[in-house]
């Protein structure tokens, strides 16, 4: 089973061009950081309330991405407000993205080849070889949104990440998005870290939009 970081990195890959989906770089880092924190929460390494996040178990998970995030939270120390904790992990997110891509290549979900992203200097492309993992993630999201089924906590977390990334249009049709708007809102409010991720990404998008309009 993929972890949240791998799942969100996989969903951020554009189907048609095998590139990272259109999302400000800093916003993508926030979403990946949120994925790591949510995984730590489900593994009972951190706990949160409406305002704060605290490390409750320092035992390593055996996952190098999660253990790096856990160690960094421990360095930050004590009871943390969620947004600063999220931004503190986000500065490490590019490294997490690279590790997640490497894992996906090793599992033969992706193939690594020379290429270019449209918005950076020469880098790598990652064409999807086997899309079963990606389709399974989408199928899970469709199941919880288009039925009255009580979702698994992992699926609520994944929904929060996908909704914050504005990737639901890759999962649902326009009519389905309208039909499920209330349910998306209800489920997205169930995860406190997910709410913080959503606000942070919205702020970044707003800043980028304003800066772009000033240039124009």
N, C-alpha and C. Protein backbone atom coordinates (compact mmCIF):
# COMPACT_ATOMS: atom_id res chain seq x y z
N UNK A 1 0.84 -1.20 0.00
CA UNK A 1 0.00 0.00 0.00
C UNK A 1 0.87 1.25 0.00
N UNK A 2 0.49 2.22 -0.81
CA UNK A 2 1.23 3.46 -0.86
C UNK A 2 0.93 4.31 0.36
N UNK A 3 1.94 5.09 0.81
CA UNK A 3 1.70 6.07 1.85
C UNK A 3 1.09 7.33 1.25
N UNK A 4 0.67 8.25 2.11
CA UNK A 4 0.03 9.47 1.61
C UNK A 4 0.96 10.30 0.74
N UNK A 5 2.24 10.34 1.10
CA UNK A 5 3.17 11.14 0.29
C UNK A 5 3.25 10.58 -1.12
N UNK A 6 3.40 9.25 -1.24
CA UNK A 6 3.45 8.64 -2.58
C UNK A 6 2.14 8.85 -3.32
N UNK A 7 1.02 8.70 -2.62
CA UNK A 7 -0.28 8.84 -3.29
C UNK A 7 -0.48 10.26 -3.83
N UNK A 8 -0.13 11.26 -3.03
CA UNK A 8 -0.37 12.63 -3.50
C UNK A 8 0.63 13.00 -4.59
N UNK A 9 1.87 12.53 -4.50
CA UNK A 9 2.84 12.78 -5.57
C UNK A 9 2.36 12.13 -6.87
N UNK A 10 1.81 10.92 -6.77
CA UNK A 10 1.30 10.24 -7.96
C UNK A 10 0.13 10.99 -8.58
N UNK A 11 -0.77 11.49 -7.73
CA UNK A 11 -1.92 12.24 -8.25
C UNK A 11 -1.52 13.60 -8.81
N UNK A 12 -0.41 14.15 -8.32
CA UNK A 12 0.06 15.43 -8.84
C UNK A 12 0.69 15.32 -10.23
N UNK A 13 0.95 14.08 -10.67
CA UNK A 13 1.48 13.91 -12.02
C UNK A 13 0.36 14.06 -13.03
N UNK A 14 0.60 14.91 -14.02
CA UNK A 14 -0.39 15.15 -15.06
C UNK A 14 -0.47 13.94 -15.98
N UNK A 15 -1.70 13.42 -16.20
CA UNK A 15 -1.87 12.22 -17.01
C UNK A 15 -1.36 12.39 -18.43
N UNK A 16 -1.62 13.54 -19.01
CA UNK A 16 -1.31 13.71 -20.42
C UNK A 16 0.16 13.96 -20.69
N UNK A 17 0.82 14.69 -19.81
CA UNK A 17 2.18 15.12 -20.10
C UNK A 17 3.22 14.55 -19.14
N UNK A 18 2.77 13.74 -18.18
CA UNK A 18 3.68 13.15 -17.21
C UNK A 18 4.50 14.20 -16.48
N UNK A 19 3.88 15.33 -16.18
CA UNK A 19 4.55 16.39 -15.44
C UNK A 19 3.75 16.67 -14.18
N UNK A 20 4.34 17.45 -13.28
CA UNK A 20 3.60 17.84 -12.09
C UNK A 20 2.42 18.71 -12.50
N UNK A 21 1.23 18.39 -11.97
CA UNK A 21 0.03 19.15 -12.30
C UNK A 21 0.20 20.62 -11.95
N UNK A 22 -0.60 21.46 -12.59
CA UNK A 22 -0.48 22.90 -12.41
C UNK A 22 -0.82 23.29 -10.98
N UNK A 23 0.21 23.62 -10.21
CA UNK A 23 0.06 24.00 -8.82
C UNK A 23 1.31 24.78 -8.46
N UNK A 24 1.16 25.95 -7.83
CA UNK A 24 2.38 26.68 -7.42
C UNK A 24 3.32 25.75 -6.66
N UNK A 25 4.62 25.89 -6.93
CA UNK A 25 5.60 24.99 -6.33
C UNK A 25 5.48 24.98 -4.81
N UNK A 26 5.37 26.16 -4.21
CA UNK A 26 5.28 26.23 -2.76
C UNK A 26 4.00 25.58 -2.24
N UNK A 27 2.92 25.64 -3.03
CA UNK A 27 1.67 24.99 -2.63
C UNK A 27 1.83 23.48 -2.68
N UNK A 28 2.51 22.97 -3.70
CA UNK A 28 2.77 21.53 -3.79
C UNK A 28 3.59 21.07 -2.58
N UNK A 29 4.54 21.88 -2.14
CA UNK A 29 5.34 21.54 -0.96
C UNK A 29 4.47 21.47 0.30
N UNK A 30 3.52 22.39 0.41
CA UNK A 30 2.60 22.37 1.56
C UNK A 30 1.78 21.09 1.56
N UNK A 31 1.27 20.70 0.41
CA UNK A 31 0.43 19.50 0.31
C UNK A 31 1.25 18.26 0.67
N UNK A 32 2.48 18.18 0.19
CA UNK A 32 3.33 17.02 0.51
C UNK A 32 3.66 17.00 2.00
N UNK A 33 3.95 18.18 2.57
CA UNK A 33 4.19 18.25 4.02
C UNK A 33 2.96 17.81 4.79
N UNK A 34 1.80 18.24 4.34
CA UNK A 34 0.55 17.83 4.99
C UNK A 34 0.36 16.33 4.92
N UNK A 35 0.73 15.73 3.79
CA UNK A 35 0.61 14.28 3.64
C UNK A 35 1.48 13.56 4.67
N UNK A 36 2.72 14.06 4.87
CA UNK A 36 3.61 13.44 5.85
C UNK A 36 3.06 13.58 7.26
N UNK A 37 2.55 14.78 7.60
CA UNK A 37 2.00 14.99 8.94
C UNK A 37 0.76 14.14 9.18
N UNK A 38 -0.09 14.01 8.17
CA UNK A 38 -1.30 13.21 8.32
C UNK A 38 -0.96 11.73 8.54
N UNK A 39 0.07 11.27 7.83
CA UNK A 39 0.50 9.88 8.02
C UNK A 39 1.04 9.69 9.43
N UNK A 40 1.79 10.64 9.93
CA UNK A 40 2.31 10.55 11.30
C UNK A 40 1.16 10.55 12.31
N UNK A 41 0.13 11.33 12.04
CA UNK A 41 -1.02 11.36 12.95
C UNK A 41 -1.72 10.00 12.98
N UNK A 42 -1.91 9.39 11.81
CA UNK A 42 -2.58 8.10 11.77
C UNK A 42 -1.72 6.99 12.37
N UNK A 43 -0.40 7.20 12.39
CA UNK A 43 0.49 6.23 13.02
C UNK A 43 0.74 6.56 14.49
N UNK A 44 -0.05 7.50 15.02
CA UNK A 44 -0.02 7.85 16.45
C UNK A 44 1.34 8.37 16.91
N UNK A 45 2.02 9.10 16.01
CA UNK A 45 3.28 9.75 16.40
C UNK A 45 3.05 11.20 16.80
N UNK A 46 2.00 11.81 16.26
CA UNK A 46 1.65 13.18 16.64
C UNK A 46 0.16 13.23 16.95
N UNK A 47 -0.21 14.25 17.70
CA UNK A 47 -1.63 14.47 18.01
C UNK A 47 -1.92 15.95 17.80
N UNK A 48 -3.16 16.24 17.45
CA UNK A 48 -3.55 17.63 17.18
C UNK A 48 -4.87 17.95 17.84
N UNK A 49 -5.04 19.24 18.15
CA UNK A 49 -6.36 19.76 18.47
C UNK A 49 -6.62 20.92 17.51
N UNK A 50 -7.59 21.75 17.81
CA UNK A 50 -7.96 22.81 16.87
C UNK A 50 -6.79 23.72 16.55
N UNK A 51 -5.89 23.95 17.50
CA UNK A 51 -4.81 24.91 17.30
C UNK A 51 -3.41 24.29 17.22
N UNK A 52 -3.20 23.21 17.97
CA UNK A 52 -1.82 22.78 18.19
C UNK A 52 -1.54 21.37 17.70
N UNK A 53 -0.24 21.11 17.56
CA UNK A 53 0.28 19.80 17.17
C UNK A 53 1.39 19.46 18.15
N UNK A 54 1.41 18.22 18.61
CA UNK A 54 2.44 17.80 19.57
C UNK A 54 2.91 16.38 19.22
N UNK A 55 4.21 16.15 19.36
CA UNK A 55 4.76 14.80 19.17
C UNK A 55 4.44 13.99 20.42
N UNK A 56 3.78 12.84 20.25
CA UNK A 56 3.40 12.02 21.39
C UNK A 56 4.16 10.70 21.44
N UNK A 57 4.84 10.36 20.33
CA UNK A 57 5.61 9.11 20.28
C UNK A 57 6.78 9.32 19.33
N UNK A 58 7.99 9.24 19.86
CA UNK A 58 9.19 9.50 19.05
C UNK A 58 9.77 8.22 18.43
N UNK A 59 9.10 7.11 18.58
CA UNK A 59 9.60 5.85 18.01
C UNK A 59 9.61 5.94 16.49
N UNK A 60 10.75 5.65 15.84
CA UNK A 60 10.79 5.71 14.37
C UNK A 60 9.78 4.78 13.73
N UNK A 61 9.30 5.18 12.56
CA UNK A 61 8.30 4.39 11.84
C UNK A 61 8.95 3.38 10.89
N UNK A 62 10.23 3.60 10.56
CA UNK A 62 10.89 2.77 9.56
C UNK A 62 10.75 3.33 8.15
N UNK A 63 10.00 4.43 8.01
CA UNK A 63 9.85 5.12 6.73
C UNK A 63 10.73 6.38 6.79
N UNK A 64 11.70 6.50 5.86
CA UNK A 64 12.68 7.59 6.01
C UNK A 64 12.06 8.97 5.83
N UNK A 65 11.00 9.08 5.03
CA UNK A 65 10.31 10.37 4.89
C UNK A 65 9.65 10.76 6.22
N UNK A 66 8.87 9.83 6.75
CA UNK A 66 8.14 10.12 7.99
C UNK A 66 9.09 10.32 9.17
N UNK A 67 10.15 9.54 9.22
CA UNK A 67 11.09 9.67 10.35
C UNK A 67 11.85 10.99 10.30
N UNK A 68 12.13 11.48 9.08
CA UNK A 68 12.76 12.79 8.96
C UNK A 68 11.80 13.88 9.44
N UNK A 69 10.54 13.79 9.03
CA UNK A 69 9.54 14.78 9.47
C UNK A 69 9.35 14.73 10.98
N UNK A 70 9.30 13.52 11.53
CA UNK A 70 9.12 13.36 12.97
C UNK A 70 10.29 13.96 13.74
N UNK A 71 11.50 13.70 13.26
CA UNK A 71 12.69 14.24 13.93
C UNK A 71 12.71 15.77 13.86
N UNK A 72 12.28 16.31 12.73
CA UNK A 72 12.28 17.77 12.59
C UNK A 72 11.23 18.39 13.50
N UNK A 73 10.07 17.78 13.62
CA UNK A 73 9.06 18.28 14.56
C UNK A 73 9.60 18.26 15.98
N UNK A 74 10.34 17.21 16.31
CA UNK A 74 10.92 17.10 17.65
C UNK A 74 11.93 18.21 17.89
N UNK A 75 12.69 18.56 16.84
CA UNK A 75 13.66 19.65 16.94
C UNK A 75 12.95 20.98 17.17
N UNK A 76 11.80 21.17 16.51
CA UNK A 76 11.05 22.41 16.69
C UNK A 76 10.55 22.53 18.12
N UNK A 77 10.25 21.37 18.74
CA UNK A 77 10.02 21.31 20.17
C UNK A 77 8.63 21.64 20.65
N UNK A 78 8.20 20.89 21.68
CA UNK A 78 7.01 21.21 22.44
C UNK A 78 5.71 21.21 21.66
N UNK A 79 4.82 22.05 22.13
CA UNK A 79 3.49 22.18 21.54
C UNK A 79 3.55 23.23 20.43
N UNK A 80 3.26 22.84 19.21
CA UNK A 80 3.41 23.72 18.05
C UNK A 80 2.05 24.12 17.51
N UNK A 81 1.94 25.35 17.05
CA UNK A 81 0.78 25.71 16.26
C UNK A 81 0.85 24.97 14.94
N UNK A 82 -0.29 24.53 14.42
CA UNK A 82 -0.28 23.68 13.23
C UNK A 82 0.31 24.38 12.01
N UNK A 83 -0.06 25.64 11.68
CA UNK A 83 0.51 26.25 10.46
C UNK A 83 2.04 26.35 10.48
N UNK A 84 2.68 26.82 11.59
CA UNK A 84 4.14 26.84 11.58
C UNK A 84 4.77 25.45 11.46
N UNK A 85 4.13 24.45 12.06
CA UNK A 85 4.64 23.08 11.93
C UNK A 85 4.55 22.63 10.47
N UNK A 86 3.46 22.97 9.82
CA UNK A 86 3.26 22.61 8.41
C UNK A 86 4.31 23.28 7.53
N UNK A 87 4.53 24.57 7.74
CA UNK A 87 5.54 25.27 6.95
C UNK A 87 6.95 24.79 7.29
N UNK A 88 7.18 24.39 8.55
CA UNK A 88 8.48 23.88 8.93
C UNK A 88 8.83 22.59 8.20
N UNK A 89 7.84 21.75 7.98
CA UNK A 89 8.05 20.51 7.23
C UNK A 89 8.09 20.78 5.73
N UNK A 90 7.36 21.78 5.27
CA UNK A 90 7.28 22.07 3.83
C UNK A 90 8.64 22.41 3.23
N UNK A 91 9.54 22.99 4.02
CA UNK A 91 10.86 23.33 3.49
C UNK A 91 11.66 22.07 3.14
N UNK A 92 11.21 20.92 3.64
CA UNK A 92 11.89 19.65 3.36
C UNK A 92 11.15 18.84 2.30
N UNK A 93 10.06 19.40 1.77
CA UNK A 93 9.15 18.62 0.93
C UNK A 93 9.73 18.24 -0.42
N UNK A 94 10.63 19.05 -0.98
CA UNK A 94 11.21 18.67 -2.27
C UNK A 94 12.00 17.37 -2.13
N UNK A 95 12.70 17.22 -1.02
CA UNK A 95 13.41 15.96 -0.77
C UNK A 95 12.44 14.80 -0.63
N UNK A 96 11.30 15.04 0.03
CA UNK A 96 10.29 13.99 0.17
C UNK A 96 9.70 13.61 -1.18
N UNK A 97 9.48 14.62 -2.03
CA UNK A 97 8.93 14.35 -3.37
C UNK A 97 9.88 13.47 -4.16
N UNK A 98 11.17 13.79 -4.10
CA UNK A 98 12.16 13.00 -4.83
C UNK A 98 12.20 11.56 -4.31
N UNK A 99 12.13 11.39 -3.00
CA UNK A 99 12.12 10.03 -2.43
C UNK A 99 10.87 9.28 -2.85
N UNK A 100 9.73 9.98 -2.86
CA UNK A 100 8.48 9.32 -3.26
C UNK A 100 8.53 8.90 -4.72
N UNK A 101 9.07 9.77 -5.58
CA UNK A 101 9.20 9.41 -7.00
C UNK A 101 10.12 8.19 -7.16
N UNK A 102 11.22 8.17 -6.41
CA UNK A 102 12.14 7.03 -6.48
C UNK A 102 11.43 5.74 -6.08
N UNK A 103 10.62 5.81 -5.03
CA UNK A 103 9.87 4.63 -4.58
C UNK A 103 8.90 4.16 -5.67
N UNK A 104 8.23 5.12 -6.31
CA UNK A 104 7.27 4.76 -7.35
C UNK A 104 7.96 4.14 -8.56
N UNK A 105 9.17 4.62 -8.85
CA UNK A 105 9.95 4.02 -9.93
C UNK A 105 10.36 2.60 -9.54
N UNK A 106 10.82 2.42 -8.30
CA UNK A 106 11.24 1.10 -7.84
C UNK A 106 10.08 0.10 -7.86
N UNK A 107 8.87 0.59 -7.63
CA UNK A 107 7.69 -0.29 -7.66
C UNK A 107 7.15 -0.47 -9.07
N UNK A 108 7.83 0.14 -10.05
CA UNK A 108 7.45 0.07 -11.45
C UNK A 108 6.06 0.65 -11.72
N UNK A 109 5.70 1.63 -10.88
CA UNK A 109 4.51 2.42 -11.17
C UNK A 109 4.87 3.52 -12.17
N UNK A 110 6.10 4.05 -12.04
CA UNK A 110 6.61 5.10 -12.92
C UNK A 110 7.89 4.63 -13.59
N UNK A 111 8.21 5.29 -14.71
CA UNK A 111 9.50 5.09 -15.36
C UNK A 111 10.21 6.43 -15.40
N UNK A 112 11.48 6.42 -15.05
CA UNK A 112 12.29 7.64 -14.98
C UNK A 112 13.02 7.84 -16.31
N UNK A 113 12.83 9.02 -16.91
CA UNK A 113 13.57 9.32 -18.13
C UNK A 113 13.87 10.81 -18.19
N UNK A 114 14.88 11.16 -18.97
CA UNK A 114 15.24 12.57 -19.10
C UNK A 114 14.08 13.35 -19.70
N UNK A 115 13.90 14.56 -19.24
CA UNK A 115 12.83 15.40 -19.77
C UNK A 115 12.89 16.78 -19.18
N UNK A 116 11.85 17.53 -19.39
CA UNK A 116 11.77 18.88 -18.85
C UNK A 116 10.37 19.11 -18.29
N UNK A 117 10.33 19.80 -17.14
CA UNK A 117 9.06 20.38 -16.74
C UNK A 117 8.97 21.74 -17.43
N UNK A 118 7.76 22.22 -17.60
CA UNK A 118 7.58 23.49 -18.31
C UNK A 118 8.09 24.67 -17.50
N UNK A 119 8.20 24.51 -16.16
CA UNK A 119 8.45 25.67 -15.32
C UNK A 119 9.79 25.63 -14.62
N UNK A 120 10.64 24.65 -14.96
CA UNK A 120 11.96 24.61 -14.34
C UNK A 120 13.00 24.25 -15.38
N UNK A 121 14.26 24.26 -14.97
CA UNK A 121 15.37 23.87 -15.83
C UNK A 121 15.34 22.35 -16.04
N UNK A 122 16.23 21.82 -16.90
CA UNK A 122 16.18 20.39 -17.21
C UNK A 122 16.08 19.52 -15.96
N UNK A 123 15.16 18.58 -15.99
CA UNK A 123 14.94 17.69 -14.85
C UNK A 123 14.51 16.33 -15.38
N UNK A 124 13.60 15.68 -14.71
CA UNK A 124 13.20 14.33 -15.11
C UNK A 124 11.71 14.29 -15.39
N UNK A 125 11.32 13.40 -16.29
CA UNK A 125 9.92 13.09 -16.48
C UNK A 125 9.67 11.71 -15.90
N UNK A 126 8.44 11.46 -15.51
CA UNK A 126 8.09 10.18 -14.90
C UNK A 126 6.82 9.63 -15.54
N UNK A 127 6.92 9.08 -16.75
CA UNK A 127 5.73 8.49 -17.38
C UNK A 127 5.19 7.34 -16.54
N UNK A 128 3.87 7.24 -16.49
CA UNK A 128 3.23 6.18 -15.72
C UNK A 128 3.27 4.88 -16.52
N UNK A 129 3.85 3.83 -15.94
CA UNK A 129 3.90 2.52 -16.57
C UNK A 129 2.63 1.74 -16.24
N UNK A 130 2.33 1.66 -14.96
CA UNK A 130 1.21 0.86 -14.47
C UNK A 130 0.32 1.79 -13.65
N UNK A 131 -0.87 2.09 -14.20
CA UNK A 131 -1.71 3.09 -13.53
C UNK A 131 -2.69 2.48 -12.54
N UNK A 132 -2.48 1.22 -12.16
CA UNK A 132 -3.42 0.60 -11.22
C UNK A 132 -3.45 1.34 -9.89
N UNK A 133 -2.27 1.76 -9.41
CA UNK A 133 -2.23 2.48 -8.13
C UNK A 133 -3.00 3.79 -8.23
N UNK A 134 -2.77 4.53 -9.32
CA UNK A 134 -3.44 5.81 -9.50
C UNK A 134 -4.95 5.61 -9.62
N UNK A 135 -5.37 4.60 -10.38
CA UNK A 135 -6.79 4.34 -10.56
C UNK A 135 -7.43 3.88 -9.26
N UNK A 136 -6.67 3.15 -8.44
CA UNK A 136 -7.22 2.70 -7.18
C UNK A 136 -7.49 3.89 -6.25
N UNK A 137 -6.57 4.85 -6.25
CA UNK A 137 -6.76 6.04 -5.43
C UNK A 137 -8.01 6.78 -5.89
N UNK A 138 -8.17 6.94 -7.18
CA UNK A 138 -9.35 7.65 -7.70
C UNK A 138 -10.63 6.89 -7.40
N UNK A 139 -10.58 5.57 -7.52
CA UNK A 139 -11.76 4.76 -7.24
C UNK A 139 -12.17 4.91 -5.77
N UNK A 140 -11.19 4.93 -4.86
CA UNK A 140 -11.50 5.12 -3.44
C UNK A 140 -12.18 6.46 -3.21
N UNK A 141 -11.68 7.51 -3.84
CA UNK A 141 -12.27 8.83 -3.66
C UNK A 141 -13.69 8.87 -4.22
N UNK A 142 -13.90 8.28 -5.38
CA UNK A 142 -15.24 8.26 -5.97
C UNK A 142 -16.21 7.50 -5.06
N UNK A 143 -15.73 6.42 -4.47
CA UNK A 143 -16.58 5.61 -3.61
C UNK A 143 -17.07 6.41 -2.40
N UNK A 144 -16.17 7.14 -1.76
CA UNK A 144 -16.60 7.86 -0.56
C UNK A 144 -17.42 9.10 -0.88
N UNK A 145 -17.24 9.66 -2.07
CA UNK A 145 -17.97 10.88 -2.42
C UNK A 145 -19.32 10.62 -3.06
N UNK A 146 -19.44 9.54 -3.79
CA UNK A 146 -20.66 9.28 -4.56
C UNK A 146 -21.60 8.31 -3.86
N UNK A 147 -21.23 7.88 -2.64
CA UNK A 147 -22.11 7.01 -1.86
C UNK A 147 -22.24 7.61 -0.46
N UNK A 148 -23.12 7.01 0.35
CA UNK A 148 -23.28 7.43 1.74
C UNK A 148 -22.42 6.60 2.68
N UNK A 149 -21.48 5.85 2.12
CA UNK A 149 -20.62 4.99 2.91
C UNK A 149 -19.81 5.82 3.92
N UNK A 150 -19.69 5.29 5.14
CA UNK A 150 -18.86 5.95 6.15
C UNK A 150 -17.40 5.72 5.77
N UNK A 151 -16.65 6.79 5.52
CA UNK A 151 -15.30 6.62 5.00
C UNK A 151 -14.32 6.17 6.06
N UNK A 152 -13.31 5.44 5.62
CA UNK A 152 -12.17 5.09 6.45
C UNK A 152 -11.38 6.36 6.76
N UNK A 153 -10.78 6.46 7.95
CA UNK A 153 -9.98 7.67 8.26
C UNK A 153 -8.91 7.98 7.22
N UNK A 154 -8.27 6.95 6.64
CA UNK A 154 -7.26 7.19 5.61
C UNK A 154 -7.87 7.86 4.39
N UNK A 155 -9.09 7.47 4.06
CA UNK A 155 -9.72 8.06 2.88
C UNK A 155 -10.13 9.51 3.12
N UNK A 156 -10.52 9.84 4.35
CA UNK A 156 -10.82 11.23 4.69
C UNK A 156 -9.57 12.08 4.53
N UNK A 157 -8.44 11.56 5.01
CA UNK A 157 -7.17 12.28 4.90
C UNK A 157 -6.81 12.50 3.44
N UNK A 158 -6.93 11.45 2.63
CA UNK A 158 -6.61 11.56 1.21
C UNK A 158 -7.51 12.59 0.52
N UNK A 159 -8.80 12.57 0.86
CA UNK A 159 -9.72 13.55 0.28
C UNK A 159 -9.29 14.97 0.62
N UNK A 160 -8.89 15.20 1.88
CA UNK A 160 -8.44 16.53 2.29
C UNK A 160 -7.27 17.00 1.43
N UNK A 161 -6.32 16.11 1.20
CA UNK A 161 -5.14 16.45 0.41
C UNK A 161 -5.51 16.74 -1.04
N UNK A 162 -6.35 15.91 -1.61
CA UNK A 162 -6.73 16.08 -3.01
C UNK A 162 -7.56 17.33 -3.19
N UNK A 163 -8.46 17.59 -2.25
CA UNK A 163 -9.30 18.78 -2.35
C UNK A 163 -8.46 20.04 -2.21
N UNK A 164 -7.50 20.04 -1.30
CA UNK A 164 -6.61 21.19 -1.12
C UNK A 164 -5.78 21.43 -2.37
N UNK A 165 -5.44 20.36 -3.09
CA UNK A 165 -4.62 20.47 -4.30
C UNK A 165 -5.44 20.85 -5.53
N UNK A 166 -6.75 20.98 -5.37
CA UNK A 166 -7.64 21.27 -6.49
C UNK A 166 -7.53 20.18 -7.56
N UNK A 167 -7.43 18.93 -7.11
CA UNK A 167 -7.29 17.82 -8.04
C UNK A 167 -8.58 17.00 -8.20
N UNK A 168 -9.66 17.42 -7.52
CA UNK A 168 -10.88 16.63 -7.61
C UNK A 168 -11.46 16.62 -9.02
N UNK A 169 -11.13 17.63 -9.83
CA UNK A 169 -11.61 17.65 -11.21
C UNK A 169 -11.00 16.51 -12.02
N UNK A 170 -9.89 15.92 -11.52
CA UNK A 170 -9.29 14.76 -12.18
C UNK A 170 -9.97 13.47 -11.74
N UNK A 171 -10.87 13.57 -10.75
CA UNK A 171 -11.51 12.39 -10.18
C UNK A 171 -13.00 12.35 -10.52
N UNK A 172 -13.65 13.52 -10.50
CA UNK A 172 -15.09 13.62 -10.72
C UNK A 172 -15.38 14.49 -11.94
N UNK A 173 -16.52 14.22 -12.57
CA UNK A 173 -16.99 15.07 -13.67
C UNK A 173 -17.52 16.37 -13.09
N UNK A 174 -17.71 17.43 -13.93
CA UNK A 174 -18.28 18.68 -13.42
C UNK A 174 -19.62 18.48 -12.73
N UNK A 175 -20.48 17.62 -13.29
CA UNK A 175 -21.78 17.36 -12.67
C UNK A 175 -21.62 16.66 -11.33
N UNK A 176 -20.67 15.73 -11.25
CA UNK A 176 -20.43 15.02 -10.00
C UNK A 176 -19.86 15.95 -8.94
N UNK A 177 -18.99 16.88 -9.36
CA UNK A 177 -18.44 17.85 -8.41
C UNK A 177 -19.55 18.68 -7.79
N UNK A 178 -20.48 19.14 -8.62
CA UNK A 178 -21.60 19.93 -8.11
C UNK A 178 -22.48 19.09 -7.19
N UNK A 179 -22.73 17.86 -7.59
CA UNK A 179 -23.58 16.95 -6.83
C UNK A 179 -22.99 16.64 -5.45
N UNK A 180 -21.70 16.57 -5.35
CA UNK A 180 -21.04 16.15 -4.10
C UNK A 180 -20.45 17.32 -3.32
N UNK A 181 -20.77 18.54 -3.70
CA UNK A 181 -20.15 19.71 -3.07
C UNK A 181 -20.33 19.72 -1.55
N UNK A 182 -21.56 19.44 -1.09
CA UNK A 182 -21.80 19.46 0.36
C UNK A 182 -21.02 18.36 1.07
N UNK A 183 -21.00 17.17 0.48
CA UNK A 183 -20.30 16.05 1.12
C UNK A 183 -18.79 16.31 1.15
N UNK A 184 -18.26 16.89 0.09
CA UNK A 184 -16.83 17.23 0.08
C UNK A 184 -16.51 18.19 1.22
N UNK A 185 -17.37 19.21 1.38
CA UNK A 185 -17.16 20.17 2.45
C UNK A 185 -17.23 19.54 3.83
N UNK A 186 -18.22 18.66 4.03
CA UNK A 186 -18.37 18.00 5.34
C UNK A 186 -17.16 17.13 5.67
N UNK A 187 -16.75 16.30 4.71
CA UNK A 187 -15.65 15.38 4.98
C UNK A 187 -14.32 16.11 5.11
N UNK A 188 -14.14 17.18 4.35
CA UNK A 188 -12.87 17.92 4.39
C UNK A 188 -12.66 18.61 5.73
N UNK A 189 -13.75 18.86 6.46
CA UNK A 189 -13.62 19.51 7.76
C UNK A 189 -13.30 18.54 8.89
N UNK A 190 -13.22 17.25 8.58
CA UNK A 190 -13.00 16.26 9.62
C UNK A 190 -11.54 16.16 10.06
N UNK A 191 -10.62 16.65 9.25
CA UNK A 191 -9.20 16.52 9.56
C UNK A 191 -8.60 17.90 9.80
N UNK A 192 -8.05 18.12 10.99
CA UNK A 192 -7.54 19.45 11.36
C UNK A 192 -6.31 19.83 10.55
N UNK A 193 -5.40 18.88 10.31
CA UNK A 193 -4.23 19.19 9.47
C UNK A 193 -4.69 19.49 8.05
N UNK A 194 -5.68 18.74 7.58
CA UNK A 194 -6.21 18.99 6.24
C UNK A 194 -6.75 20.40 6.10
N UNK A 195 -7.41 20.90 7.12
CA UNK A 195 -7.91 22.27 7.08
C UNK A 195 -6.76 23.27 6.97
N UNK A 196 -5.70 23.03 7.72
CA UNK A 196 -4.54 23.92 7.67
C UNK A 196 -3.88 23.89 6.30
N UNK A 197 -3.78 22.68 5.71
CA UNK A 197 -3.22 22.56 4.37
C UNK A 197 -4.07 23.36 3.38
N UNK A 198 -5.38 23.22 3.47
CA UNK A 198 -6.28 23.91 2.55
C UNK A 198 -6.10 25.42 2.64
N UNK A 199 -6.04 25.95 3.86
CA UNK A 199 -5.89 27.40 4.04
C UNK A 199 -4.55 27.87 3.49
N UNK A 200 -3.49 27.10 3.77
CA UNK A 200 -2.16 27.51 3.31
C UNK A 200 -2.08 27.52 1.79
N UNK A 201 -2.63 26.49 1.14
CA UNK A 201 -2.61 26.43 -0.32
C UNK A 201 -3.44 27.56 -0.91
N UNK A 202 -4.60 27.84 -0.31
CA UNK A 202 -5.44 28.95 -0.79
C UNK A 202 -4.70 30.27 -0.69
N UNK A 203 -3.97 30.48 0.40
CA UNK A 203 -3.20 31.73 0.56
C UNK A 203 -2.12 31.84 -0.51
N UNK A 204 -1.44 30.72 -0.78
CA UNK A 204 -0.37 30.74 -1.78
C UNK A 204 -0.94 31.02 -3.17
N UNK A 205 -2.04 30.36 -3.50
CA UNK A 205 -2.67 30.58 -4.80
C UNK A 205 -3.08 32.05 -4.96
N UNK A 206 -3.64 32.62 -3.89
CA UNK A 206 -4.07 34.01 -3.94
C UNK A 206 -2.88 34.94 -4.15
N UNK A 207 -1.77 34.65 -3.45
CA UNK A 207 -0.56 35.46 -3.59
C UNK A 207 -0.01 35.39 -5.01
N UNK A 208 0.04 34.16 -5.56
CA UNK A 208 0.56 33.98 -6.92
C UNK A 208 -0.33 34.69 -7.92
N UNK A 209 -1.64 34.58 -7.75
CA UNK A 209 -2.58 35.23 -8.67
C UNK A 209 -2.41 36.73 -8.64
N UNK A 210 -2.25 37.30 -7.43
CA UNK A 210 -2.06 38.75 -7.29
C UNK A 210 -0.76 39.19 -7.93
N UNK A 211 0.32 38.43 -7.69
CA UNK A 211 1.62 38.79 -8.27
C UNK A 211 1.57 38.73 -9.78
N UNK A 212 0.90 37.73 -10.33
CA UNK A 212 0.79 37.59 -11.77
C UNK A 212 0.02 38.74 -12.39
N UNK A 213 -1.04 39.16 -11.72
CA UNK A 213 -1.85 40.27 -12.24
C UNK A 213 -1.06 41.57 -12.22
N UNK A 214 -0.17 41.72 -11.22
CA UNK A 214 0.65 42.93 -11.16
C UNK A 214 1.67 42.97 -12.29
N UNK A 215 2.21 41.80 -12.62
CA UNK A 215 3.16 41.72 -13.74
C UNK A 215 2.48 42.06 -15.06
N UNK A 216 1.23 41.50 -15.21
CA UNK A 216 0.50 41.75 -16.44
C UNK A 216 0.09 43.21 -16.57
